[in-house]
Amino acid sequence: MKPLLPFRIYNKAPAVLPVEDEHWYRIKAEVQAEKTVIEIYIYGEIGGWGITANQFIQDLKAIDDGVSPVVAAFNTNGGDLFEGLAIHNALKRLGERCTARIDALAASAGSVAACGARRMVMASNSMLMIHNPWTWTSGDAEDLRRVADVLDQTLEAIIAAYKNKSPDIDDAELRRMVNDETWLTAQEALALGLADEIGTGVEVKACLGQGAAMKRYRNTPQALLDQLKAVQPEPAAEADPPEQPEPAVPAASNSAGLAVMITQACGKAGISNLIETLIASTKLADEATVQAALTRAKAVRDLCVAARLPELTVEFVQAGLDAPAVRARLFDKLVGSGKGFEIDNSLPPADDEPEKVKAQLPNPSTIWSARRQAARKGASA
């Protein structure tokens, strides 16, 4: 029997979005009105390179006292459906003391996760987006039929998550909205029973930072795209660069020491092929610059190896790309190639790994035959 191809259920916007305040995921407990309130901020992708359900649950366990109110604040374009379902169930287990707060956007897997809370408060200008599960894979007709069956099953999990929040919602209407990719305003979500209260809002652009990923959905509201587009800086007009003073040349002894530092660190990390690239890019300016470049190069190498594209490491390091930019490029390259596997942060197994020898159970007939032969030889001697 052929094994099922590895795949995961994603939303249609896999790119990781930068967040202006650089605090896209945070969990804390603080005293409000003489009582402790646990606040969880999920601002960014769910699963993948964003907030995983395992991290979320472990962090919550570490801070939860079992009695304090918990507020989960969402502003996310979604992500991995199974991770979203796990967060949904974690919030549901908190019972009456859990509230989901939609600060700006809860799309796709984010809407599934948020509906696990007992109460949902949506900002007056926030939105909830629901749609069918989506994935990418490869294989023959049998493989693709099996994947389609799994997508049908995951659709039922999505429907169940929304009905958990709004038991009285019409089943046929809910399925129509999910199939059509529906963007719900706070007022519309309240009318459907998915939201319980409407509060004050914030601008989506203050949290998502850019609108490129939102364009991958079919029915993204134009007003939302316009708001997100406004935050992107306009390209500057070309002009002659201002004259810059010649950079100070570090002392020869310091330069030599930094070069040795790069050489030794690269050798230890197994990235000796990056020595010349790092020396050229850092210009051996100072130890802090060199150390930052080494850390970045190691992260880039690990991502390329995990994606089974180690040959791209030098190119990415030369371009000065950081880890988020490399992740996005690798994801697009893998999806475009149709290879049908996802990037994993664990190292792949060696292709030439020797075949494991399977142990065999002892054969009684063979054992007795060998003993009889040995007894006969002993008697004849």
Protein backbone atom coordinates (compact mmCIF):
# COMPACT_ATOMS: atom_id res chain seq x y z
CA MET A 1 0.00 0.00 0.00
CA LYS A 2 1.37 3.40 -0.97
CA PRO A 3 2.00 5.77 1.95
CA LEU A 4 -0.05 8.96 2.10
CA LEU A 5 1.94 11.91 0.82
CA PRO A 6 2.91 14.35 3.56
CA PHE A 7 0.75 17.44 3.50
CA ARG A 8 -0.79 19.96 5.84
CA ILE A 9 -3.91 22.09 5.62
CA TYR A 10 -2.95 25.74 5.12
CA ASN A 11 -4.74 28.95 4.45
CA LYS A 12 -4.02 30.67 1.15
CA ALA A 13 -1.54 33.17 2.55
CA PRO A 14 1.50 31.25 3.82
CA ALA A 15 3.85 34.23 3.91
CA VAL A 16 4.95 35.36 7.37
CA LEU A 17 3.96 38.97 7.99
CA PRO A 18 6.24 41.33 9.89
CA VAL A 19 4.72 43.20 12.81
CA GLU A 20 5.64 46.79 13.49
CA ASP A 21 5.79 46.46 17.28
CA GLU A 22 7.83 43.22 16.99
CA HIS A 23 5.64 41.55 19.63
CA TRP A 24 3.42 39.35 17.46
CA TYR A 25 3.15 36.67 20.13
CA ARG A 26 3.22 37.45 23.82
CA ILE A 27 1.69 35.95 26.95
CA LYS A 28 1.65 37.72 30.31
CA ALA A 29 -0.23 37.97 33.59
CA GLU A 30 -0.94 41.39 35.05
CA VAL A 31 -3.17 42.90 37.71
CA GLN A 32 -6.20 44.77 36.34
CA ALA A 33 -8.80 46.28 38.68
CA GLU A 34 -7.31 44.39 41.65
CA LYS A 35 -7.43 40.99 39.92
CA THR A 36 -4.97 39.06 37.80
CA VAL A 37 -5.76 38.76 34.10
CA ILE A 38 -3.77 36.54 31.74
CA GLU A 39 -3.42 38.11 28.30
CA ILE A 40 -2.27 36.18 25.23
CA TYR A 41 -1.42 38.02 22.01
CA ILE A 42 -1.51 36.00 18.79
CA TYR A 43 -0.42 38.56 16.22
CA GLY A 44 0.88 36.70 13.17
CA GLU A 45 0.91 33.27 11.55
CA ILE A 46 -0.46 30.21 13.35
CA GLY A 47 1.78 27.16 13.03
CA GLY A 48 4.70 26.85 10.65
CA TRP A 49 7.19 29.53 11.63
CA GLY A 50 4.65 31.38 13.73
CA ILE A 51 3.05 30.42 17.03
CA THR A 52 2.61 26.66 17.28
CA ALA A 53 -0.08 25.02 19.40
CA ASN A 54 2.59 23.24 21.44
CA GLN A 55 4.33 26.51 22.31
CA PHE A 56 1.00 28.16 23.07
CA ILE A 57 -0.14 25.39 25.43
CA GLN A 58 3.20 25.10 27.22
CA ASP A 59 3.40 28.86 27.78
CA LEU A 60 -0.19 28.95 29.02
CA LYS A 61 0.42 26.09 31.47
CA ALA A 62 3.46 27.88 32.85
CA ILE A 63 1.50 31.03 33.74
CA ASP A 64 -2.07 29.85 34.33
CA ASP A 65 -3.15 29.67 37.97
CA GLY A 66 -6.42 27.90 37.13
CA VAL A 67 -8.71 30.72 38.27
CA SER A 68 -7.67 33.99 36.57
CA PRO A 69 -9.56 35.26 33.52
CA VAL A 70 -7.78 34.58 30.22
CA VAL A 71 -8.00 36.96 27.25
CA ALA A 72 -6.66 35.73 23.89
CA ALA A 73 -6.14 38.69 21.54
CA PHE A 74 -6.06 37.82 17.82
CA ASN A 75 -4.74 39.64 14.80
CA THR A 76 -3.75 36.91 12.36
CA ASN A 77 -4.10 36.01 8.70
CA GLY A 78 -4.36 32.34 9.75
CA GLY A 79 -2.03 29.44 9.08
CA ASP A 80 -2.06 25.70 9.74
CA LEU A 81 -5.59 24.43 10.38
CA PHE A 82 -4.57 21.60 12.72
CA GLU A 83 -2.56 24.03 14.86
CA GLY A 84 -5.59 26.33 14.92
CA LEU A 85 -7.83 23.46 16.01
CA ALA A 86 -5.43 22.58 18.82
CA ILE A 87 -5.48 26.19 20.07
CA HIS A 88 -9.30 26.16 19.71
CA ASN A 89 -9.50 23.14 22.02
CA ALA A 90 -7.00 24.61 24.49
CA LEU A 91 -9.14 27.75 24.82
CA LYS A 92 -12.30 25.68 25.09
CA ARG A 93 -10.86 23.74 28.06
CA LEU A 94 -10.53 27.03 29.97
CA GLY A 95 -14.32 27.29 30.13
CA GLU A 96 -16.17 30.39 31.33
CA ARG A 97 -13.03 32.36 32.18
CA CYS A 98 -11.79 32.51 28.55
CA THR A 99 -12.50 35.41 26.18
CA ALA A 100 -11.27 35.80 22.60
CA ARG A 101 -10.66 39.40 21.56
CA ILE A 102 -10.41 40.13 17.84
CA ASP A 103 -8.30 43.26 17.72
CA ALA A 104 -8.28 43.57 13.94
CA LEU A 105 -8.43 40.33 11.95
CA ALA A 106 -9.00 36.63 12.65
CA ALA A 107 -8.80 34.88 9.29
CA SER A 108 -8.86 31.23 8.29
CA ALA A 109 -7.24 29.10 11.03
CA GLY A 110 -7.27 32.20 13.25
CA SER A 111 -11.08 32.29 13.20
CA VAL A 112 -11.18 28.58 14.05
CA ALA A 113 -8.85 29.09 17.03
CA ALA A 114 -10.75 32.12 18.34
CA CYS A 115 -14.10 30.29 18.31
CA GLY A 116 -12.80 27.98 21.04
CA ALA A 117 -13.26 30.74 23.63
CA ARG A 118 -16.49 30.94 25.60
CA ARG A 119 -16.93 34.63 24.70
CA MET A 120 -15.74 36.56 21.67
CA VAL A 121 -15.38 40.33 21.67
CA MET A 122 -14.74 41.88 18.25
CA ALA A 123 -13.42 45.38 17.73
CA SER A 124 -15.93 47.53 15.85
CA ASN A 125 -13.68 47.68 12.78
CA SER A 126 -12.34 44.09 12.97
CA MET A 127 -13.17 41.19 10.66
CA LEU A 128 -13.61 37.43 10.84
CA MET A 129 -12.83 35.41 7.68
CA ILE A 130 -13.99 31.84 7.08
CA HIS A 131 -13.21 29.60 4.10
CA ASN A 132 -12.67 26.02 2.93
CA PRO A 133 -9.51 24.15 3.92
CA TRP A 134 -6.74 24.42 1.33
CA THR A 135 -3.52 22.54 0.77
CA TRP A 136 -0.89 21.69 -1.84
CA THR A 137 0.45 18.26 -2.65
CA SER A 138 1.53 16.01 -5.54
CA GLY A 139 1.08 12.43 -6.62
CA ASP A 140 -1.00 10.21 -8.87
CA ALA A 141 -4.79 10.09 -9.12
CA GLU A 142 -5.11 7.77 -6.13
CA ASP A 143 -3.00 10.08 -3.97
CA LEU A 144 -5.01 13.15 -4.94
CA ARG A 145 -8.35 11.43 -4.30
CA ARG A 146 -7.13 10.47 -0.83
CA VAL A 147 -6.07 14.06 -0.15
CA ALA A 148 -9.49 15.30 -1.34
CA ASP A 149 -11.14 12.93 1.15
CA VAL A 150 -9.00 14.34 3.95
CA LEU A 151 -9.95 17.89 2.93
CA ASP A 152 -13.63 16.92 3.16
CA GLN A 153 -13.02 15.58 6.67
CA THR A 154 -11.20 18.72 7.76
CA LEU A 155 -14.09 20.81 6.45
CA GLU A 156 -16.32 19.03 8.94
CA ALA A 157 -13.83 19.91 11.71
CA ILE A 158 -14.06 23.58 10.66
CA ILE A 159 -17.87 23.49 10.66
CA ALA A 160 -17.84 21.89 14.12
CA ALA A 161 -15.52 24.62 15.45
CA TYR A 162 -17.87 27.39 14.33
CA LYS A 163 -20.94 25.55 15.62
CA ASN A 164 -19.20 25.18 18.97
CA LYS A 165 -19.34 28.97 19.23
CA SER A 166 -22.79 29.39 17.66
CA PRO A 167 -24.87 26.18 18.07
CA ASP A 168 -27.98 27.75 16.52
CA ILE A 169 -26.33 28.90 13.30
CA ASP A 170 -28.01 27.53 10.18
CA ASP A 171 -25.94 24.64 8.85
CA ALA A 172 -26.63 25.22 5.15
CA GLU A 173 -25.92 28.95 5.41
CA LEU A 174 -22.72 28.33 7.34
CA ARG A 175 -21.46 25.87 4.71
CA ARG A 176 -22.31 28.33 1.95
CA MET A 177 -20.33 31.09 3.64
CA VAL A 178 -17.35 28.82 4.24
CA ASN A 179 -17.38 27.65 0.62
CA ASP A 180 -17.63 31.23 -0.67
CA GLU A 181 -14.78 32.57 1.52
CA THR A 182 -16.77 35.07 3.57
CA TRP A 183 -15.37 38.14 5.32
CA LEU A 184 -17.60 39.03 8.26
CA THR A 185 -17.72 42.42 9.92
CA ALA A 186 -18.14 42.59 13.68
CA GLN A 187 -21.84 43.38 13.25
CA GLU A 188 -22.35 40.40 10.91
CA ALA A 189 -20.49 38.02 13.22
CA LEU A 190 -22.61 39.25 16.12
CA ALA A 191 -25.82 38.57 14.17
CA LEU A 192 -24.65 35.03 13.41
CA GLY A 193 -23.78 34.34 17.04
CA LEU A 194 -20.05 33.98 16.37
CA ALA A 195 -19.37 37.18 18.32
CA ASP A 196 -20.86 38.13 21.68
CA GLU A 197 -19.87 41.79 21.96
CA ILE A 198 -18.50 44.66 19.88
CA GLY A 199 -15.75 46.79 21.36
CA THR A 200 -13.32 49.45 20.21
CA GLY A 201 -10.88 48.74 17.38
CA VAL A 202 -7.40 49.37 16.08
CA GLU A 203 -6.08 49.69 12.55
CA VAL A 204 -5.18 46.38 10.95
CA LYS A 205 -2.06 47.87 9.38
CA ALA A 206 -0.63 48.61 12.80
CA CYS A 207 -0.32 44.89 13.38
CA LEU A 208 0.00 43.10 10.04
CA GLY A 209 2.37 45.63 8.50
CA GLN A 210 1.73 44.79 4.82
CA GLY A 211 -0.96 43.46 2.52
CA ALA A 212 0.89 41.17 0.12
CA ALA A 213 -0.38 37.96 1.73
CA MET A 214 -3.98 39.19 1.90
CA LYS A 215 -4.04 39.42 -1.91
CA ARG A 216 -3.84 35.63 -2.14
CA TYR A 217 -7.39 35.24 -0.84
CA ARG A 218 -10.24 35.39 -3.34
CA ASN A 219 -12.52 37.93 -1.68
CA THR A 220 -10.30 40.15 0.46
CA PRO A 221 -12.20 43.44 0.94
CA GLN A 222 -10.63 46.23 -1.12
CA ALA A 223 -10.83 48.59 1.84
CA LEU A 224 -8.63 46.22 3.83
CA LEU A 225 -6.11 45.93 0.99
CA ASP A 226 -6.02 49.72 0.67
CA GLN A 227 -5.40 50.11 4.40
CA LEU A 228 -2.59 47.56 4.36
CA LYS A 229 -1.05 49.01 1.21
CA ALA A 230 -0.88 52.45 2.81
CA VAL A 231 1.68 51.28 5.33
CA GLN A 232 4.19 50.21 2.67
CA PRO A 233 6.73 52.92 1.91
CA GLU A 234 6.78 54.33 -1.61
CA PRO A 235 9.99 53.55 -3.55
CA ALA A 236 12.37 56.46 -3.34
CA ALA A 237 13.29 58.28 -6.55
CA GLU A 238 16.71 57.45 -7.87
CA ALA A 239 19.29 60.08 -7.03
CA ASP A 240 23.00 60.33 -6.80
CA PRO A 241 24.06 58.89 -3.46
CA PRO A 242 25.49 61.48 -1.08
CA GLU A 243 29.17 61.39 -0.61
CA GLN A 244 30.12 59.32 2.39
CA PRO A 245 33.35 59.65 4.31
CA GLU A 246 35.73 56.79 3.85
CA PRO A 247 35.12 54.16 6.54
CA ALA A 248 37.79 53.91 9.14
CA VAL A 249 40.12 51.02 8.47
CA PRO A 250 40.43 48.84 11.57
CA ALA A 251 43.82 48.11 12.93
CA ALA A 252 45.60 45.27 11.18
CA SER A 253 45.77 43.25 14.37
CA ASN A 254 42.03 43.69 14.98
CA SER A 255 41.21 42.74 11.38
CA ALA A 256 43.35 39.65 11.62
CA GLY A 257 41.70 38.66 14.88
CA LEU A 258 38.21 39.07 13.43
CA ALA A 259 39.16 37.05 10.35
CA VAL A 260 40.42 34.27 12.60
CA MET A 261 37.18 34.50 14.58
CA ILE A 262 35.12 34.01 11.39
CA THR A 263 37.31 31.15 10.20
CA GLN A 264 37.15 29.27 13.48
CA ALA A 265 33.42 29.83 13.98
CA CYS A 266 32.60 28.73 10.41
CA GLY A 267 34.75 25.63 10.77
CA LYS A 268 33.05 24.69 14.02
CA ALA A 269 29.56 25.25 12.57
CA GLY A 270 30.32 23.38 9.34
CA ILE A 271 29.94 26.43 7.10
CA SER A 272 33.52 26.90 5.95
CA ASN A 273 32.21 27.68 2.46
CA LEU A 274 30.90 30.98 3.88
CA ILE A 275 34.20 32.29 5.26
CA GLU A 276 35.05 34.53 2.29
CA THR A 277 31.45 35.71 1.97
CA LEU A 278 31.27 36.72 5.64
CA ILE A 279 34.64 38.47 5.59
CA ALA A 280 33.55 40.48 2.56
CA SER A 281 30.09 41.33 3.89
CA THR A 282 31.19 42.36 7.39
CA LYS A 283 34.34 44.15 6.18
CA LEU A 284 35.70 43.06 9.57
CA ALA A 285 34.18 46.22 11.04
CA ASP A 286 33.96 45.13 14.65
CA GLU A 287 33.25 42.07 16.78
CA ALA A 288 29.53 42.81 17.18
CA THR A 289 29.03 43.02 13.42
CA VAL A 290 30.95 39.79 12.84
CA GLN A 291 29.06 37.93 15.56
CA ALA A 292 25.68 39.07 14.20
CA ALA A 293 26.66 37.95 10.69
CA LEU A 294 27.75 34.54 11.96
CA THR A 295 24.49 34.02 13.83
CA ARG A 296 22.49 35.04 10.76
CA ALA A 297 24.54 32.78 8.46
CA LYS A 298 24.01 29.75 10.71
CA ALA A 299 20.25 30.36 10.75
CA VAL A 300 20.17 30.70 6.96
CA ARG A 301 22.20 27.50 6.53
CA ASP A 302 19.86 25.56 8.86
CA LEU A 303 16.78 26.71 6.94
CA CYS A 304 18.29 25.81 3.56
CA VAL A 305 19.33 22.36 4.81
CA ALA A 306 15.85 21.78 6.26
CA ALA A 307 14.36 22.69 2.88
CA ARG A 308 16.82 20.33 1.15
CA LEU A 309 18.23 23.28 -0.77
CA PRO A 310 21.64 23.81 0.88
CA GLU A 311 23.08 25.11 -2.38
CA LEU A 312 21.14 28.37 -1.87
CA THR A 313 22.90 29.21 1.40
CA VAL A 314 25.75 31.21 -0.13
CA GLU A 315 23.36 33.17 -2.35
CA PHE A 316 21.12 34.13 0.57
CA VAL A 317 24.04 35.07 2.84
CA GLN A 318 25.60 37.20 0.10
CA ALA A 319 22.27 38.98 -0.33
CA GLY A 320 22.20 39.75 3.41
CA LEU A 321 18.80 38.12 3.90
CA ASP A 322 17.55 37.46 7.41
CA ALA A 323 15.74 34.30 8.50
CA PRO A 324 12.14 35.50 7.79
CA ALA A 325 13.09 36.55 4.24
CA VAL A 326 14.82 33.22 3.63
CA ARG A 327 11.82 31.29 4.92
CA ALA A 328 9.51 33.15 2.53
CA ARG A 329 11.78 32.53 -0.47
CA LEU A 330 12.21 28.86 0.34
CA PHE A 331 8.47 28.39 0.79
CA ASP A 332 7.72 30.02 -2.55
CA LYS A 333 10.41 27.95 -4.26
CA LEU A 334 9.12 24.67 -2.82
CA VAL A 335 5.48 25.44 -3.58
CA GLY A 336 6.39 26.50 -7.11
CA SER A 337 8.44 23.37 -7.70
CA GLY A 338 5.50 21.07 -6.90
CA LYS A 339 7.69 18.72 -4.88
CA GLY A 340 4.85 18.17 -2.42
CA PHE A 341 6.63 18.51 0.90
CA GLU A 342 6.79 21.22 3.51
CA ILE A 343 9.75 22.89 5.11
CA ASP A 344 10.62 21.35 8.43
CA ASN A 345 13.05 22.84 10.94
CA SER A 346 14.51 19.41 11.71
CA LEU A 347 17.44 18.14 9.66
CA PRO A 348 16.43 15.71 6.89
CA PRO A 349 17.71 12.13 7.04
CA ALA A 350 20.75 11.31 4.96
CA ASP A 351 19.86 10.02 1.50
CA ASP A 352 22.57 7.37 1.65
CA GLU A 353 21.62 6.10 5.09
CA PRO A 354 22.39 2.34 5.19
CA GLU A 355 19.42 0.00 5.21
CA LYS A 356 18.63 -1.23 8.67
CA VAL A 357 19.10 -4.98 9.23
CA LYS A 358 15.92 -6.54 10.55
CA ALA A 359 16.27 -9.08 13.34
CA GLN A 360 14.82 -12.52 12.60
CA LEU A 361 13.11 -14.87 15.00
CA PRO A 362 15.03 -18.13 15.70
CA ASN A 363 14.03 -21.12 13.59
CA PRO A 364 13.69 -24.24 15.84
CA SER A 365 14.05 -26.65 12.90
CA THR A 366 17.36 -25.11 11.87
CA ILE A 367 18.65 -25.18 15.44
CA TRP A 368 17.80 -28.89 15.96
CA SER A 369 19.25 -29.81 12.56
CA ALA A 370 22.52 -28.10 13.42
CA ARG A 371 22.67 -29.85 16.80
CA ARG A 372 22.04 -33.29 15.22
CA GLN A 373 24.80 -32.73 12.68
CA ALA A 374 27.19 -31.68 15.45
CA ALA A 375 26.26 -34.82 17.49
CA ARG A 376 26.90 -37.10 14.51
CA LYS A 377 30.29 -35.57 13.85
CA GLY A 378 31.19 -36.05 17.51
CA ALA A 379 30.12 -39.71 17.46
CA SER A 380 32.11 -40.50 14.28
CA ALA A 381 35.21 -38.88 15.74
